[in-house]
Amino acid sequence: MSSEPRHPTYWHSRAYGLFAANPFGVRDFTADKSQDGSLTVEPGQRLSFHHRVVIHPGDVRTANIAALYGKYAAER
């Protein structure tokens, strides 16, 4: 399991070609207006996000996503 904030993250796409990981859009993705999606990084501190995108032919059953995620998680 990742220690990154908001893991697993939210993803979204747009008709003009945007496909993005967006850990800051909590308010819109959950429809909870009490969440603003902000994170505070203290001066001198560091925040990193790591994501992997898998593009494959076929459907989710043929992609073996669980095994790919397990390999990715082990590398982190």
PDB file of N, CA and C in Angstrom:
ATOM      1  N   MET A   1       0.843  -1.184   0.000  1.00  0.00           N
ATOM      2  CA  MET A   1       0.000   0.000   0.000  1.00  0.00           C
ATOM      3  C   MET A   1       0.881   1.237   0.000  1.00  0.00           C
ATOM      4  N   SER A   2       0.518   2.185  -0.750  1.00  0.00           N
ATOM      5  CA  SER A   2       1.293   3.408  -0.878  1.00  0.00           C
ATOM      6  C   SER A   2       1.056   4.345   0.302  1.00  0.00           C
ATOM      7  N   SER A   3       2.074   5.110   0.625  1.00  0.00           N
ATOM      8  CA  SER A   3       1.936   6.127   1.675  1.00  0.00           C
ATOM      9  C   SER A   3       1.614   7.498   1.079  1.00  0.00           C
ATOM     10  N   GLU A   4       1.420   7.550  -0.224  1.00  0.00           N
ATOM     11  CA  GLU A   4       1.110   8.816  -0.870  1.00  0.00           C
ATOM     12  C   GLU A   4      -0.278   9.306  -0.464  1.00  0.00           C
ATOM     13  N   PRO A   5      -0.425  10.625  -0.384  1.00  0.00           N
ATOM     14  CA  PRO A   5      -1.754  11.162  -0.061  1.00  0.00           C
ATOM     15  C   PRO A   5      -2.782  10.769  -1.125  1.00  0.00           C
ATOM     16  N   ARG A   6      -3.958  10.426  -0.662  1.00  0.00           N
ATOM     17  CA  ARG A   6      -5.095  10.103  -1.535  1.00  0.00           C
ATOM     18  C   ARG A   6      -4.829   8.932  -2.469  1.00  0.00           C
ATOM     19  N   HIS A   7      -4.160   7.932  -1.938  1.00  0.00           N
ATOM     20  CA  HIS A   7      -3.925   6.704  -2.702  1.00  0.00           C
ATOM     21  C   HIS A   7      -5.083   5.749  -2.461  1.00  0.00           C
ATOM     22  N   PRO A   8      -5.682   5.160  -3.464  1.00  0.00           N
ATOM     23  CA  PRO A   8      -5.439   5.421  -4.875  1.00  0.00           C
ATOM     24  C   PRO A   8      -6.018   6.771  -5.288  1.00  0.00           C
ATOM     25  N   THR A   9      -5.427   7.349  -6.281  1.00  0.00           N
ATOM     26  CA  THR A   9      -5.820   8.696  -6.678  1.00  0.00           C
ATOM     27  C   THR A   9      -7.062   8.698  -7.565  1.00  0.00           C
ATOM     28  N   TYR A  10      -7.567   9.868  -7.814  1.00  0.00           N
ATOM     29  CA  TYR A  10      -8.676  10.052  -8.749  1.00  0.00           C
ATOM     30  C   TYR A  10      -8.093  10.291 -10.141  1.00  0.00           C
ATOM     31  N   TRP A  11      -8.785   9.824 -11.156  1.00  0.00           N
ATOM     32  CA  TRP A  11      -8.381  10.025 -12.550  1.00  0.00           C
ATOM     33  C   TRP A  11      -9.536  10.682 -13.285  1.00  0.00           C
ATOM     34  N   HIS A  12      -9.197  11.474 -14.281  1.00  0.00           N
ATOM     35  CA  HIS A  12     -10.256  12.012 -15.125  1.00  0.00           C
ATOM     36  C   HIS A  12      -9.735  12.252 -16.533  1.00  0.00           C
ATOM     37  N   SER A  13     -10.665  12.341 -17.459  1.00  0.00           N
ATOM     38  CA  SER A  13     -10.318  12.593 -18.853  1.00  0.00           C
ATOM     39  C   SER A  13     -11.296  13.609 -19.428  1.00  0.00           C
ATOM     40  N   ARG A  14     -10.873  14.221 -20.486  1.00  0.00           N
ATOM     41  CA  ARG A  14     -11.693  15.212 -21.178  1.00  0.00           C
ATOM     42  C   ARG A  14     -11.728  14.885 -22.670  1.00  0.00           C
ATOM     43  N   ALA A  15     -12.736  15.338 -23.351  1.00  0.00           N
ATOM     44  CA  ALA A  15     -12.913  15.054 -24.771  1.00  0.00           C
ATOM     45  C   ALA A  15     -11.783  15.603 -25.633  1.00  0.00           C
ATOM     46  N   TYR A  16     -11.073  16.629 -25.152  1.00  0.00           N
ATOM     47  CA  TYR A  16      -9.998  17.218 -25.954  1.00  0.00           C
ATOM     48  C   TYR A  16      -8.673  16.474 -25.788  1.00  0.00           C
ATOM     49  N   GLY A  17      -8.668  15.341 -25.060  1.00  0.00           N
ATOM     50  CA  GLY A  17      -7.482  14.503 -24.984  1.00  0.00           C
ATOM     51  C   GLY A  17      -6.797  14.429 -23.630  1.00  0.00           C
ATOM     52  N   LEU A  18      -7.218  15.244 -22.687  1.00  0.00           N
ATOM     53  CA  LEU A  18      -6.609  15.190 -21.358  1.00  0.00           C
ATOM     54  C   LEU A  18      -6.942  13.872 -20.680  1.00  0.00           C
ATOM     55  N   PHE A  19      -5.952  13.242 -20.103  1.00  0.00           N
ATOM     56  CA  PHE A  19      -6.117  12.058 -19.255  1.00  0.00           C
ATOM     57  C   PHE A  19      -5.152  12.257 -18.108  1.00  0.00           C
ATOM     58  N   ALA A  20      -5.656  12.445 -16.902  1.00  0.00           N
ATOM     59  CA  ALA A  20      -4.783  12.877 -15.815  1.00  0.00           C
ATOM     60  C   ALA A  20      -5.112  12.244 -14.475  1.00  0.00           C
ATOM     61  N   ALA A  21      -4.060  12.023 -13.707  1.00  0.00           N
ATOM     62  CA  ALA A  21      -4.213  11.693 -12.289  1.00  0.00           C
ATOM     63  C   ALA A  21      -4.440  13.019 -11.580  1.00  0.00           C
ATOM     64  N   ASN A  22      -5.417  13.055 -10.687  1.00  0.00           N
ATOM     65  CA  ASN A  22      -5.731  14.317 -10.031  1.00  0.00           C
ATOM     66  C   ASN A  22      -6.068  14.097  -8.560  1.00  0.00           C
ATOM     67  N   PRO A  23      -5.056  14.099  -7.690  1.00  0.00           N
ATOM     68  CA  PRO A  23      -5.326  13.908  -6.267  1.00  0.00           C
ATOM     69  C   PRO A  23      -5.916  15.142  -5.592  1.00  0.00           C
ATOM     70  N   PHE A  24      -6.055  16.241  -6.328  1.00  0.00           N
ATOM     71  CA  PHE A  24      -6.541  17.490  -5.751  1.00  0.00           C
ATOM     72  C   PHE A  24      -8.010  17.776  -6.029  1.00  0.00           C
ATOM     73  N   GLY A  25      -8.658  16.969  -6.866  1.00  0.00           N
ATOM     74  CA  GLY A  25     -10.039  17.228  -7.238  1.00  0.00           C
ATOM     75  C   GLY A  25     -11.062  16.546  -6.355  1.00  0.00           C
ATOM     76  N   VAL A  26     -10.738  16.337  -5.105  1.00  0.00           N
ATOM     77  CA  VAL A  26     -11.604  15.590  -4.183  1.00  0.00           C
ATOM     78  C   VAL A  26     -13.024  16.141  -4.155  1.00  0.00           C
ATOM     79  N   ARG A  27     -13.167  17.429  -4.084  1.00  0.00           N
ATOM     80  CA  ARG A  27     -14.498  18.052  -4.007  1.00  0.00           C
ATOM     81  C   ARG A  27     -15.373  17.642  -5.192  1.00  0.00           C
ATOM     82  N   ASP A  28     -14.812  17.699  -6.383  1.00  0.00           N
ATOM     83  CA  ASP A  28     -15.594  17.374  -7.572  1.00  0.00           C
ATOM     84  C   ASP A  28     -15.818  15.877  -7.743  1.00  0.00           C
ATOM     85  N   PHE A  29     -14.820  15.079  -7.424  1.00  0.00           N
ATOM     86  CA  PHE A  29     -14.937  13.639  -7.628  1.00  0.00           C
ATOM     87  C   PHE A  29     -15.841  12.971  -6.604  1.00  0.00           C
ATOM     88  N   THR A  30     -15.941  13.529  -5.416  1.00  0.00           N
ATOM     89  CA  THR A  30     -16.793  12.942  -4.386  1.00  0.00           C
ATOM     90  C   THR A  30     -18.125  13.661  -4.239  1.00  0.00           C
ATOM     91  N   ALA A  31     -18.278  14.803  -4.888  1.00  0.00           N
ATOM     92  CA  ALA A  31     -19.463  15.659  -4.748  1.00  0.00           C
ATOM     93  C   ALA A  31     -19.657  16.087  -3.295  1.00  0.00           C
ATOM     94  N   ASP A  32     -18.556  16.166  -2.563  1.00  0.00           N
ATOM     95  CA  ASP A  32     -18.586  16.598  -1.159  1.00  0.00           C
ATOM     96  C   ASP A  32     -17.959  17.989  -1.085  1.00  0.00           C
ATOM     97  N   LYS A  33     -18.794  19.010  -1.010  1.00  0.00           N
ATOM     98  CA  LYS A  33     -18.315  20.397  -1.037  1.00  0.00           C
ATOM     99  C   LYS A  33     -17.534  20.784   0.224  1.00  0.00           C
ATOM    100  N   SER A  34     -17.529  19.925   1.248  1.00  0.00           N
ATOM    101  CA  SER A  34     -16.751  20.230   2.453  1.00  0.00           C
ATOM    102  C   SER A  34     -15.275  19.883   2.279  1.00  0.00           C
ATOM    103  N   GLN A  35     -14.925  19.169   1.204  1.00  0.00           N
ATOM    104  CA  GLN A  35     -13.531  18.814   0.949  1.00  0.00           C
ATOM    105  C   GLN A  35     -12.972  19.745  -0.124  1.00  0.00           C
ATOM    106  N   ASP A  36     -11.858  20.394   0.169  1.00  0.00           N
ATOM    107  CA  ASP A  36     -11.337  21.342  -0.817  1.00  0.00           C
ATOM    108  C   ASP A  36     -10.167  20.799  -1.633  1.00  0.00           C
ATOM    109  N   GLY A  37      -9.620  19.646  -1.285  1.00  0.00           N
ATOM    110  CA  GLY A  37      -8.565  19.041  -2.099  1.00  0.00           C
ATOM    111  C   GLY A  37      -7.186  19.606  -1.876  1.00  0.00           C
ATOM    112  N   SER A  38      -7.044  20.557  -0.978  1.00  0.00           N
ATOM    113  CA  SER A  38      -5.724  21.158  -0.787  1.00  0.00           C
ATOM    114  C   SER A  38      -4.820  20.273   0.060  1.00  0.00           C
ATOM    115  N   LEU A  39      -3.529  20.426  -0.147  1.00  0.00           N
ATOM    116  CA  LEU A  39      -2.502  19.782   0.672  1.00  0.00           C
ATOM    117  C   LEU A  39      -1.495  20.851   1.053  1.00  0.00           C
ATOM    118  N   THR A  40      -0.980  20.764   2.242  1.00  0.00           N
ATOM    119  CA  THR A  40       0.032  21.719   2.678  1.00  0.00           C
ATOM    120  C   THR A  40       1.385  21.025   2.728  1.00  0.00           C
ATOM    121  N   VAL A  41       2.345  21.608   2.060  1.00  0.00           N
ATOM    122  CA  VAL A  41       3.716  21.118   2.105  1.00  0.00           C
ATOM    123  C   VAL A  41       4.528  22.179   2.835  1.00  0.00           C
ATOM    124  N   GLU A  42       5.068  21.791   3.959  1.00  0.00           N
ATOM    125  CA  GLU A  42       5.825  22.731   4.775  1.00  0.00           C
ATOM    126  C   GLU A  42       7.121  23.121   4.065  1.00  0.00           C
ATOM    127  N   PRO A  43       7.605  24.340   4.324  1.00  0.00           N
ATOM    128  CA  PRO A  43       8.867  24.776   3.717  1.00  0.00           C
ATOM    129  C   PRO A  43       9.983  23.764   3.995  1.00  0.00           C
ATOM    130  N   GLY A  44      10.724  23.431   2.967  1.00  0.00           N
ATOM    131  CA  GLY A  44      11.816  22.487   3.093  1.00  0.00           C
ATOM    132  C   GLY A  44      11.403  21.029   2.964  1.00  0.00           C
ATOM    133  N   GLN A  45      10.095  20.760   2.979  1.00  0.00           N
ATOM    134  CA  GLN A  45       9.605  19.400   2.829  1.00  0.00           C
ATOM    135  C   GLN A  45       9.358  19.103   1.352  1.00  0.00           C
ATOM    136  N   ARG A  46       9.201  17.830   1.056  1.00  0.00           N
ATOM    137  CA  ARG A  46       9.043  17.403  -0.326  1.00  0.00           C
ATOM    138  C   ARG A  46       7.814  16.495  -0.436  1.00  0.00           C
ATOM    139  N   LEU A  47       7.114  16.612  -1.535  1.00  0.00           N
ATOM    140  CA  LEU A  47       5.952  15.765  -1.797  1.00  0.00           C
ATOM    141  C   LEU A  47       6.078  15.219  -3.214  1.00  0.00           C
ATOM    142  N   SER A  48       6.022  13.917  -3.362  1.00  0.00           N
ATOM    143  CA  SER A  48       6.130  13.279  -4.676  1.00  0.00           C
ATOM    144  C   SER A  48       4.927  12.388  -4.910  1.00  0.00           C
ATOM    145  N   PHE A  49       4.498  12.333  -6.133  1.00  0.00           N
ATOM    146  CA  PHE A  49       3.425  11.438  -6.539  1.00  0.00           C
ATOM    147  C   PHE A  49       3.978  10.512  -7.612  1.00  0.00           C
ATOM    148  N   HIS A  50       3.634   9.247  -7.535  1.00  0.00           N
ATOM    149  CA  HIS A  50       4.086   8.253  -8.504  1.00  0.00           C
ATOM    150  C   HIS A  50       2.870   7.508  -9.045  1.00  0.00           C
ATOM    151  N   HIS A  51       2.768   7.435 -10.357  1.00  0.00           N
ATOM    152  CA  HIS A  51       1.635   6.762 -10.990  1.00  0.00           C
ATOM    153  C   HIS A  51       2.151   5.930 -12.155  1.00  0.00           C
ATOM    154  N   ARG A  52       1.445   4.880 -12.440  1.00  0.00           N
ATOM    155  CA  ARG A  52       1.763   4.069 -13.611  1.00  0.00           C
ATOM    156  C   ARG A  52       0.489   3.930 -14.422  1.00  0.00           C
ATOM    157  N   VAL A  53       0.609   4.105 -15.718  1.00  0.00           N
ATOM    158  CA  VAL A  53      -0.524   3.960 -16.635  1.00  0.00           C
ATOM    159  C   VAL A  53      -0.265   2.724 -17.486  1.00  0.00           C
ATOM    160  N   VAL A  54      -1.257   1.869 -17.578  1.00  0.00           N
ATOM    161  CA  VAL A  54      -1.158   0.663 -18.401  1.00  0.00           C
ATOM    162  C   VAL A  54      -2.125   0.816 -19.563  1.00  0.00           C
ATOM    163  N   ILE A  55      -1.590   0.768 -20.759  1.00  0.00           N
ATOM    164  CA  ILE A  55      -2.416   0.821 -21.968  1.00  0.00           C
ATOM    165  C   ILE A  55      -2.253  -0.524 -22.664  1.00  0.00           C
ATOM    166  N   HIS A  56      -3.358  -1.183 -22.927  1.00  0.00           N
ATOM    167  CA  HIS A  56      -3.293  -2.537 -23.463  1.00  0.00           C
ATOM    168  C   HIS A  56      -4.484  -2.798 -24.379  1.00  0.00           C
ATOM    169  N   PRO A  57      -4.318  -3.737 -25.287  1.00  0.00           N
ATOM    170  CA  PRO A  57      -5.457  -4.125 -26.112  1.00  0.00           C
ATOM    171  C   PRO A  57      -6.378  -5.045 -25.305  1.00  0.00           C
ATOM    172  N   GLY A  58      -7.628  -5.071 -25.661  1.00  0.00           N
ATOM    173  CA  GLY A  58      -8.547  -5.975 -24.990  1.00  0.00           C
ATOM    174  C   GLY A  58      -9.183  -5.357 -23.764  1.00  0.00           C
ATOM    175  N   ASP A  59      -9.765  -6.212 -22.938  1.00  0.00           N
ATOM    176  CA  ASP A  59     -10.458  -5.715 -21.762  1.00  0.00           C
ATOM    177  C   ASP A  59      -9.644  -5.993 -20.492  1.00  0.00           C
ATOM    178  N   VAL A  60     -10.197  -5.620 -19.366  1.00  0.00           N
ATOM    179  CA  VAL A  60      -9.477  -5.703 -18.095  1.00  0.00           C
ATOM    180  C   VAL A  60      -9.136  -7.162 -17.732  1.00  0.00           C
ATOM    181  N   ARG A  61      -9.908  -8.104 -18.184  1.00  0.00           N
ATOM    182  CA  ARG A  61      -9.627  -9.518 -17.869  1.00  0.00           C
ATOM    183  C   ARG A  61      -8.341 -10.002 -18.515  1.00  0.00           C
ATOM    184  N   THR A  62      -7.989  -9.442 -19.669  1.00  0.00           N
ATOM    185  CA  THR A  62      -6.785  -9.895 -20.366  1.00  0.00           C
ATOM    186  C   THR A  62      -5.544  -9.109 -19.960  1.00  0.00           C
ATOM    187  N   ALA A  63      -5.703  -8.041 -19.226  1.00  0.00           N
ATOM    188  CA  ALA A  63      -4.568  -7.175 -18.885  1.00  0.00           C
ATOM    189  C   ALA A  63      -3.803  -7.632 -17.655  1.00  0.00           C
ATOM    190  N   ASN A  64      -4.402  -8.471 -16.813  1.00  0.00           N
ATOM    191  CA  ASN A  64      -3.766  -8.946 -15.587  1.00  0.00           C
ATOM    192  C   ASN A  64      -3.343  -7.765 -14.697  1.00  0.00           C
ATOM    193  N   ILE A  65      -4.269  -6.849 -14.487  1.00  0.00           N
ATOM    194  CA  ILE A  65      -4.009  -5.622 -13.733  1.00  0.00           C
ATOM    195  C   ILE A  65      -3.515  -5.897 -12.317  1.00  0.00           C
ATOM    196  N   ALA A  66      -4.086  -6.876 -11.641  1.00  0.00           N
ATOM    197  CA  ALA A  66      -3.669  -7.171 -10.258  1.00  0.00           C
ATOM    198  C   ALA A  66      -2.186  -7.537 -10.199  1.00  0.00           C
ATOM    199  N   ALA A  67      -1.723  -8.348 -11.133  1.00  0.00           N
ATOM    200  CA  ALA A  67      -0.305  -8.728 -11.151  1.00  0.00           C
ATOM    201  C   ALA A  67       0.573  -7.529 -11.485  1.00  0.00           C
ATOM    202  N   LEU A  68       0.137  -6.701 -12.423  1.00  0.00           N
ATOM    203  CA  LEU A  68       0.908  -5.507 -12.774  1.00  0.00           C
ATOM    204  C   LEU A  68       1.000  -4.547 -11.593  1.00  0.00           C
ATOM    205  N   TYR A  69      -0.117  -4.386 -10.873  1.00  0.00           N
ATOM    206  CA  TYR A  69      -0.093  -3.516  -9.698  1.00  0.00           C
ATOM    207  C   TYR A  69       0.829  -4.100  -8.622  1.00  0.00           C
ATOM    208  N   GLY A  70       0.765  -5.400  -8.403  1.00  0.00           N
ATOM    209  CA  GLY A  70       1.634  -6.031  -7.410  1.00  0.00           C
ATOM    210  C   GLY A  70       3.103  -5.798  -7.731  1.00  0.00           C
ATOM    211  N   LYS A  71       3.476  -5.916  -8.995  1.00  0.00           N
ATOM    212  CA  LYS A  71       4.856  -5.656  -9.400  1.00  0.00           C
ATOM    213  C   LYS A  71       5.229  -4.193  -9.170  1.00  0.00           C
ATOM    214  N   TYR A  72       4.346  -3.294  -9.569  1.00  0.00           N
ATOM    215  CA  TYR A  72       4.593  -1.861  -9.370  1.00  0.00           C
ATOM    216  C   TYR A  72       4.736  -1.529  -7.887  1.00  0.00           C
ATOM    217  N   ALA A  73       3.849  -2.045  -7.054  1.00  0.00           N
ATOM    218  CA  ALA A  73       3.894  -1.773  -5.617  1.00  0.00           C
ATOM    219  C   ALA A  73       5.181  -2.308  -5.000  1.00  0.00           C
ATOM    220  N   ALA A  74       5.641  -3.465  -5.465  1.00  0.00           N
ATOM    221  CA  ALA A  74       6.878  -4.038  -4.937  1.00  0.00           C
ATOM    222  C   ALA A  74       8.094  -3.191  -5.301  1.00  0.00           C
ATOM    223  N   GLU A  75       8.038  -2.521  -6.437  1.00  0.00           N
ATOM    224  CA  GLU A  75       9.146  -1.658  -6.880  1.00  0.00           C
ATOM    225  C   GLU A  75       9.194  -0.364  -6.077  1.00  0.00           C
ATOM    226  N   ARG A  76       8.064   0.056  -5.527  1.00  0.00           N
ATOM    227  CA  ARG A  76       7.985   1.321  -4.783  1.00  0.00           C
ATOM    228  C   ARG A  76       8.529   1.079  -3.419  1.00  0.00           C
TER     229      ARG A  76
END
